[in-house]
C-alpha cells in the first residue's frame, strides 16, 4: 500500500472517529444535569471540532 493510500485511510478513520466522538459528547451534554460534566464535554467537543478541521487540511494536502 502506498504512503498516499495509507494517509487516505488514516484520514477516513480520523473522520469516522471524530463523528462518533461528536455524537457521544452532544448526547452527554443534553442528558447530563451535572454542570462540571457538561463543561468538560463541551471542551472535548471543541477539541473534536479542531481534529475535524485538521483532518480537512490533510485532505486538501492530499488532493494537491
C-alpha atoms as a PDB file:
ATOM      1  CA  UNK A   1       0.000   0.000   0.000  1.00  0.00           C
ATOM      2  CA  UNK A   2       1.410   3.399  -0.962  1.00  0.00           C
ATOM      3  CA  UNK A   3       2.006   6.184   1.516  1.00  0.00           C
ATOM      4  CA  UNK A   4      -0.723   8.259  -0.104  1.00  0.00           C
ATOM      5  CA  UNK A   5      -3.243   5.435   0.270  1.00  0.00           C
ATOM      6  CA  UNK A   6      -2.243   4.975   3.906  1.00  0.00           C
ATOM      7  CA  UNK A   7      -2.817   8.693   4.507  1.00  0.00           C
ATOM      8  CA  UNK A   8      -6.239   8.499   2.844  1.00  0.00           C
ATOM      9  CA  UNK A   9      -7.162   5.559   5.079  1.00  0.00           C
ATOM     10  CA  UNK A  10      -5.882   7.349   8.171  1.00  0.00           C
ATOM     11  CA  UNK A  11      -7.862  10.451   7.233  1.00  0.00           C
ATOM     12  CA  UNK A  12     -11.010   8.389   6.763  1.00  0.00           C
ATOM     13  CA  UNK A  13     -10.566   6.702  10.145  1.00  0.00           C
ATOM     14  CA  UNK A  14      -9.985  10.058  11.839  1.00  0.00           C
ATOM     15  CA  UNK A  15     -13.159  11.396  10.271  1.00  0.00           C
ATOM     16  CA  UNK A  16     -15.254   8.446  11.436  1.00  0.00           C
ATOM     17  CA  UNK A  17     -13.893   8.598  14.985  1.00  0.00           C
ATOM     18  CA  UNK A  18     -14.374  12.381  15.190  1.00  0.00           C
ATOM     19  CA  UNK A  19     -18.018  11.983  14.158  1.00  0.00           C
ATOM     20  CA  UNK A  20     -18.559   9.276  16.780  1.00  0.00           C
ATOM     21  CA  UNK A  21     -16.968  11.404  19.493  1.00  0.00           C
ATOM     22  CA  UNK A  22     -19.028  14.427  18.491  1.00  0.00           C
ATOM     23  CA  UNK A  23     -22.256  12.385  18.643  1.00  0.00           C
ATOM     24  CA  UNK A  24     -21.433  10.958  22.072  1.00  0.00           C
ATOM     25  CA  UNK A  25     -20.443  14.327  23.501  1.00  0.00           C
ATOM     26  CA  UNK A  26     -23.561  16.061  22.222  1.00  0.00           C
ATOM     27  CA  UNK A  27     -25.703  13.381  23.852  1.00  0.00           C
ATOM     28  CA  UNK A  28     -23.739  13.713  27.077  1.00  0.00           C
ATOM     29  CA  UNK A  29     -24.256  17.485  27.123  1.00  0.00           C
ATOM     30  CA  UNK A  30     -28.004  17.192  26.544  1.00  0.00           C
ATOM     31  CA  UNK A  31     -28.595  14.360  29.018  1.00  0.00           C
ATOM     32  CA  UNK A  32     -26.311  15.412  31.849  1.00  0.00           C
ATOM     33  CA  UNK A  33     -27.521  17.516  34.739  1.00  0.00           C
ATOM     34  CA  UNK A  34     -24.033  17.875  36.204  1.00  0.00           C
ATOM     35  CA  UNK A  35     -22.527  21.264  35.289  1.00  0.00           C
ATOM     36  CA  UNK A  36     -18.930  20.055  35.513  1.00  0.00           C
ATOM     37  CA  UNK A  37     -19.660  17.157  33.173  1.00  0.00           C
ATOM     38  CA  UNK A  38     -21.328  19.498  30.679  1.00  0.00           C
ATOM     39  CA  UNK A  39     -18.396  21.918  30.721  1.00  0.00           C
ATOM     40  CA  UNK A  40     -15.854  19.139  30.223  1.00  0.00           C
ATOM     41  CA  UNK A  41     -17.945  17.632  27.431  1.00  0.00           C
ATOM     42  CA  UNK A  42     -18.143  20.999  25.678  1.00  0.00           C
ATOM     43  CA  UNK A  43     -14.367  21.405  25.909  1.00  0.00           C
ATOM     44  CA  UNK A  44     -13.924  17.921  24.469  1.00  0.00           C
ATOM     45  CA  UNK A  45     -16.422  18.751  21.721  1.00  0.00           C
ATOM     46  CA  UNK A  46     -14.365  21.820  20.784  1.00  0.00           C
ATOM     47  CA  UNK A  47     -11.267  19.611  20.564  1.00  0.00           C
ATOM     48  CA  UNK A  48     -13.192  17.188  18.362  1.00  0.00           C
ATOM     49  CA  UNK A  49     -14.095  20.029  16.003  1.00  0.00           C
ATOM     50  CA  UNK A  50     -10.426  21.055  15.911  1.00  0.00           C
ATOM     51  CA  UNK A  51      -9.452  17.492  14.965  1.00  0.00           C
ATOM     52  CA  UNK A  52     -12.056  17.540  12.181  1.00  0.00           C
ATOM     53  CA  UNK A  53     -10.586  20.766  10.803  1.00  0.00           C
ATOM     54  CA  UNK A  54      -7.090  19.274  10.887  1.00  0.00           C
ATOM     55  CA  UNK A  55      -8.470  16.264   9.032  1.00  0.00           C
ATOM     56  CA  UNK A  56      -9.885  18.575   6.348  1.00  0.00           C
ATOM     57  CA  UNK A  57      -6.458  20.200   5.954  1.00  0.00           C
ATOM     58  CA  UNK A  58      -4.901  16.761   5.443  1.00  0.00           C
ATOM     59  CA  UNK A  59      -7.472  16.137   2.715  1.00  0.00           C
ATOM     60  CA  UNK A  60      -6.592  19.386   0.964  1.00  0.00           C
ATOM     61  CA  UNK A  61      -2.896  18.497   1.062  1.00  0.00           C
ATOM     62  CA  UNK A  62      -3.589  15.036  -0.354  1.00  0.00           C
ATOM     63  CA  UNK A  63      -5.699  16.447  -3.188  1.00  0.00           C
ATOM     64  CA  UNK A  64      -2.880  18.661  -4.455  1.00  0.00           C
END
